């Protein structure tokens, strides 16, 4: 099992979780996916991203890169939050 690559550090003890057998995991709160579910299910793919050339101050880009893998996704998330905050 791979650790989630989100921007927040995971507090999950992945090594401990890997040692738990499937029959020990409580799934009673997860509904069964029956035939009716799959009959009405639709595949929804996320919208594609547009490749752009963008000029960013070197120190700003360096800061994002220092945060590790996924820095472009974080820049996109920050820009999206800005748009949402300024959209009526």
N, C-alpha and C. Protein backbone atom coordinates (compact mmCIF):
# COMPACT_ATOMS: atom_id res chain seq x y z
N UNK A 1 0.85 -1.18 0.00
CA UNK A 1 0.00 0.00 0.00
C UNK A 1 0.89 1.23 0.00
N UNK A 2 0.61 2.17 -0.88
CA UNK A 2 1.42 3.37 -0.97
C UNK A 2 0.83 4.49 -0.12
N UNK A 3 1.70 5.32 0.39
CA UNK A 3 1.28 6.46 1.17
C UNK A 3 0.66 7.49 0.24
N UNK A 4 -0.41 8.15 0.69
CA UNK A 4 -1.06 9.19 -0.07
C UNK A 4 -0.06 10.30 -0.37
N UNK A 5 -0.05 10.79 -1.59
CA UNK A 5 0.91 11.83 -1.98
C UNK A 5 0.31 13.22 -1.89
N UNK A 6 -0.65 13.41 -1.00
CA UNK A 6 -1.23 14.74 -0.84
C UNK A 6 -0.22 15.67 -0.19
N UNK A 7 -0.56 16.95 -0.14
CA UNK A 7 0.37 17.93 0.38
C UNK A 7 0.52 17.83 1.90
N UNK A 8 -0.47 17.29 2.59
CA UNK A 8 -0.39 17.14 4.04
C UNK A 8 0.33 15.85 4.38
N UNK A 9 1.10 15.90 5.45
CA UNK A 9 1.80 14.70 5.90
C UNK A 9 0.79 13.73 6.51
N UNK A 10 0.87 12.48 6.12
CA UNK A 10 -0.05 11.47 6.62
C UNK A 10 0.29 11.11 8.05
N UNK A 11 -0.75 10.93 8.86
CA UNK A 11 -0.55 10.48 10.23
C UNK A 11 -0.84 8.98 10.36
N UNK A 12 -1.07 8.33 9.22
CA UNK A 12 -1.37 6.90 9.21
C UNK A 12 -0.09 6.10 9.43
N UNK A 13 -0.18 5.10 10.28
CA UNK A 13 0.93 4.17 10.48
C UNK A 13 0.82 3.10 9.40
N UNK A 14 1.42 3.36 8.24
CA UNK A 14 1.28 2.49 7.08
C UNK A 14 1.85 1.11 7.33
N UNK A 15 2.95 1.00 8.05
CA UNK A 15 3.55 -0.32 8.32
C UNK A 15 2.60 -1.17 9.15
N UNK A 16 1.98 -0.57 10.16
CA UNK A 16 1.03 -1.30 11.00
C UNK A 16 -0.19 -1.72 10.17
N UNK A 17 -0.67 -0.82 9.32
CA UNK A 17 -1.83 -1.11 8.49
C UNK A 17 -1.56 -2.25 7.51
N UNK A 18 -0.36 -2.30 6.95
CA UNK A 18 -0.02 -3.36 6.00
C UNK A 18 -0.05 -4.74 6.65
N UNK A 19 0.15 -4.80 7.96
CA UNK A 19 0.18 -6.08 8.66
C UNK A 19 -1.21 -6.60 9.02
N UNK A 20 -2.24 -5.76 8.89
CA UNK A 20 -3.61 -6.16 9.23
C UNK A 20 -4.18 -6.98 8.07
N UNK A 21 -4.70 -8.16 8.37
CA UNK A 21 -5.29 -8.99 7.32
C UNK A 21 -6.66 -8.43 6.95
N UNK A 22 -7.08 -8.67 5.72
CA UNK A 22 -8.34 -8.12 5.22
C UNK A 22 -9.54 -8.50 6.09
N UNK A 23 -9.55 -9.72 6.63
CA UNK A 23 -10.70 -10.15 7.42
C UNK A 23 -10.78 -9.43 8.77
N UNK A 24 -9.75 -8.71 9.16
CA UNK A 24 -9.76 -7.96 10.42
C UNK A 24 -10.23 -6.51 10.23
N UNK A 25 -10.46 -6.10 8.97
CA UNK A 25 -10.89 -4.73 8.69
C UNK A 25 -12.40 -4.66 8.74
N UNK A 26 -12.92 -3.74 9.56
CA UNK A 26 -14.37 -3.57 9.72
C UNK A 26 -14.92 -2.78 8.55
N UNK A 27 -15.72 -3.43 7.71
CA UNK A 27 -16.34 -2.77 6.56
C UNK A 27 -17.86 -2.72 6.70
N UNK A 28 -18.37 -2.83 7.93
CA UNK A 28 -19.81 -2.87 8.12
C UNK A 28 -20.49 -1.56 7.74
N UNK A 29 -19.74 -0.47 7.71
CA UNK A 29 -20.35 0.82 7.33
C UNK A 29 -20.25 1.09 5.83
N UNK A 30 -19.71 0.14 5.08
CA UNK A 30 -19.57 0.30 3.63
C UNK A 30 -20.67 -0.52 2.96
N UNK A 31 -21.54 0.16 2.18
CA UNK A 31 -22.65 -0.58 1.55
C UNK A 31 -22.15 -1.52 0.46
N UNK A 32 -22.88 -2.61 0.26
CA UNK A 32 -22.56 -3.55 -0.80
C UNK A 32 -22.85 -2.88 -2.15
N UNK A 33 -21.99 -3.10 -3.11
CA UNK A 33 -22.23 -2.57 -4.45
C UNK A 33 -22.88 -3.69 -5.27
N UNK A 34 -24.20 -3.55 -5.46
CA UNK A 34 -24.94 -4.59 -6.14
C UNK A 34 -25.07 -4.28 -7.63
N UNK A 35 -25.82 -5.13 -8.33
CA UNK A 35 -26.00 -4.99 -9.77
C UNK A 35 -26.62 -3.64 -10.12
N UNK A 36 -27.58 -3.19 -9.32
CA UNK A 36 -28.26 -1.91 -9.59
C UNK A 36 -27.26 -0.75 -9.56
N UNK A 37 -26.31 -0.80 -8.65
CA UNK A 37 -25.30 0.26 -8.57
C UNK A 37 -24.53 0.35 -9.88
N UNK A 38 -24.04 -0.79 -10.36
CA UNK A 38 -23.23 -0.80 -11.57
C UNK A 38 -24.06 -0.53 -12.83
N UNK A 39 -25.33 -0.84 -12.79
CA UNK A 39 -26.20 -0.57 -13.93
C UNK A 39 -26.35 0.94 -14.14
N UNK A 40 -26.33 1.70 -13.05
CA UNK A 40 -26.52 3.16 -13.13
C UNK A 40 -25.22 3.95 -12.99
N UNK A 41 -24.13 3.25 -12.77
CA UNK A 41 -22.84 3.93 -12.58
C UNK A 41 -22.36 4.55 -13.88
N UNK A 42 -21.70 5.70 -13.77
CA UNK A 42 -21.14 6.38 -14.93
C UNK A 42 -19.68 6.69 -14.64
N UNK A 43 -18.85 6.50 -15.65
CA UNK A 43 -17.43 6.84 -15.52
C UNK A 43 -17.31 8.34 -15.76
N UNK A 44 -16.68 9.03 -14.81
CA UNK A 44 -16.47 10.47 -14.94
C UNK A 44 -14.98 10.74 -14.82
N UNK A 45 -14.41 11.18 -15.91
CA UNK A 45 -12.99 11.50 -15.92
C UNK A 45 -12.79 12.97 -15.58
N UNK A 46 -11.74 13.28 -14.85
CA UNK A 46 -11.49 14.69 -14.53
C UNK A 46 -11.15 15.46 -15.80
N UNK A 47 -11.47 16.75 -15.77
CA UNK A 47 -11.14 17.60 -16.91
C UNK A 47 -9.63 17.64 -17.08
N UNK A 48 -9.20 17.67 -18.32
CA UNK A 48 -7.76 17.71 -18.59
C UNK A 48 -7.17 19.06 -18.21
N UNK A 49 -5.89 19.09 -18.08
CA UNK A 49 -5.19 20.33 -17.76
C UNK A 49 -4.56 20.89 -19.03
N UNK A 50 -4.43 22.18 -19.05
CA UNK A 50 -3.85 22.87 -20.20
C UNK A 50 -2.37 23.13 -19.93
N UNK A 51 -1.53 22.74 -20.87
CA UNK A 51 -0.11 23.00 -20.75
C UNK A 51 0.14 24.47 -21.10
N UNK A 52 0.80 25.20 -20.19
CA UNK A 52 1.09 26.62 -20.42
C UNK A 52 2.54 26.90 -20.06
N UNK A 53 3.01 28.01 -20.60
CA UNK A 53 4.32 28.52 -20.20
C UNK A 53 4.03 29.71 -19.31
N UNK A 54 4.59 29.72 -18.11
CA UNK A 54 4.27 30.73 -17.12
C UNK A 54 5.55 31.24 -16.49
N UNK A 55 5.68 32.54 -16.41
CA UNK A 55 6.88 33.11 -15.79
C UNK A 55 6.59 33.35 -14.31
N UNK A 56 7.42 32.72 -13.48
CA UNK A 56 7.28 32.82 -12.02
C UNK A 56 8.64 33.24 -11.47
N UNK A 57 8.62 34.14 -10.50
CA UNK A 57 9.88 34.55 -9.87
C UNK A 57 10.64 33.33 -9.39
N UNK A 58 11.96 33.33 -9.58
CA UNK A 58 12.81 32.19 -9.25
C UNK A 58 12.65 31.77 -7.79
N UNK A 59 12.64 32.74 -6.87
CA UNK A 59 12.54 32.38 -5.45
C UNK A 59 11.20 31.73 -5.12
N UNK A 60 10.14 32.16 -5.80
CA UNK A 60 8.82 31.56 -5.57
C UNK A 60 8.81 30.11 -6.08
N UNK A 61 9.32 29.92 -7.29
CA UNK A 61 9.38 28.57 -7.85
C UNK A 61 10.26 27.66 -7.00
N UNK A 62 11.41 28.18 -6.56
CA UNK A 62 12.30 27.39 -5.70
C UNK A 62 11.60 26.96 -4.42
N UNK A 63 10.84 27.88 -3.84
CA UNK A 63 10.11 27.56 -2.60
C UNK A 63 9.14 26.41 -2.83
N UNK A 64 8.38 26.48 -3.91
CA UNK A 64 7.43 25.40 -4.21
C UNK A 64 8.16 24.09 -4.46
N UNK A 65 9.25 24.13 -5.20
CA UNK A 65 10.01 22.91 -5.48
C UNK A 65 10.57 22.30 -4.20
N UNK A 66 10.96 23.14 -3.25
CA UNK A 66 11.50 22.64 -1.97
C UNK A 66 10.43 21.88 -1.18
N UNK A 67 9.17 22.10 -1.47
CA UNK A 67 8.09 21.41 -0.76
C UNK A 67 7.98 19.96 -1.21
N UNK A 68 8.67 19.63 -2.30
CA UNK A 68 8.71 18.24 -2.75
C UNK A 68 7.84 17.97 -3.96
N UNK A 69 7.75 16.69 -4.28
CA UNK A 69 7.00 16.22 -5.44
C UNK A 69 5.57 16.75 -5.39
N UNK A 70 5.05 17.13 -6.55
CA UNK A 70 3.68 17.62 -6.62
C UNK A 70 3.59 19.13 -6.51
N UNK A 71 4.72 19.82 -6.66
CA UNK A 71 4.70 21.27 -6.50
C UNK A 71 3.82 21.96 -7.54
N UNK A 72 3.76 21.43 -8.76
CA UNK A 72 2.91 22.04 -9.78
C UNK A 72 1.43 21.87 -9.42
N UNK A 73 1.09 20.73 -8.84
CA UNK A 73 -0.29 20.50 -8.39
C UNK A 73 -0.64 21.48 -7.27
N UNK A 74 0.31 21.74 -6.37
CA UNK A 74 0.06 22.70 -5.29
C UNK A 74 -0.12 24.11 -5.84
N UNK A 75 0.70 24.49 -6.82
CA UNK A 75 0.54 25.81 -7.43
C UNK A 75 -0.85 25.91 -8.05
N UNK A 76 -1.29 24.87 -8.75
CA UNK A 76 -2.62 24.85 -9.35
C UNK A 76 -3.70 24.98 -8.27
N UNK A 77 -3.55 24.28 -7.16
CA UNK A 77 -4.55 24.34 -6.08
C UNK A 77 -4.64 25.74 -5.49
N UNK A 78 -3.50 26.41 -5.35
CA UNK A 78 -3.49 27.77 -4.82
C UNK A 78 -4.16 28.73 -5.80
N UNK A 79 -3.87 28.57 -7.07
CA UNK A 79 -4.52 29.41 -8.08
C UNK A 79 -6.03 29.16 -8.11
N UNK A 80 -6.43 27.89 -7.98
CA UNK A 80 -7.86 27.57 -7.95
C UNK A 80 -8.54 28.20 -6.73
N UNK A 81 -7.91 28.14 -5.58
CA UNK A 81 -8.47 28.75 -4.37
C UNK A 81 -8.63 30.26 -4.56
N UNK A 82 -7.66 30.89 -5.21
CA UNK A 82 -7.73 32.33 -5.48
C UNK A 82 -8.93 32.63 -6.38
N UNK A 83 -9.08 31.85 -7.45
CA UNK A 83 -10.21 32.04 -8.37
C UNK A 83 -11.51 31.88 -7.63
N UNK A 84 -11.65 30.83 -6.82
CA UNK A 84 -12.89 30.58 -6.09
C UNK A 84 -13.19 31.70 -5.10
N UNK A 85 -12.16 32.23 -4.48
CA UNK A 85 -12.34 33.31 -3.51
C UNK A 85 -12.78 34.61 -4.19
N UNK A 86 -12.46 34.75 -5.47
CA UNK A 86 -12.78 35.99 -6.18
C UNK A 86 -13.87 35.83 -7.23
N UNK A 87 -14.59 34.72 -7.16
CA UNK A 87 -15.71 34.47 -8.06
C UNK A 87 -17.00 34.62 -7.28
N UNK A 88 -17.87 35.51 -7.77
CA UNK A 88 -19.15 35.71 -7.04
C UNK A 88 -20.05 34.49 -7.09
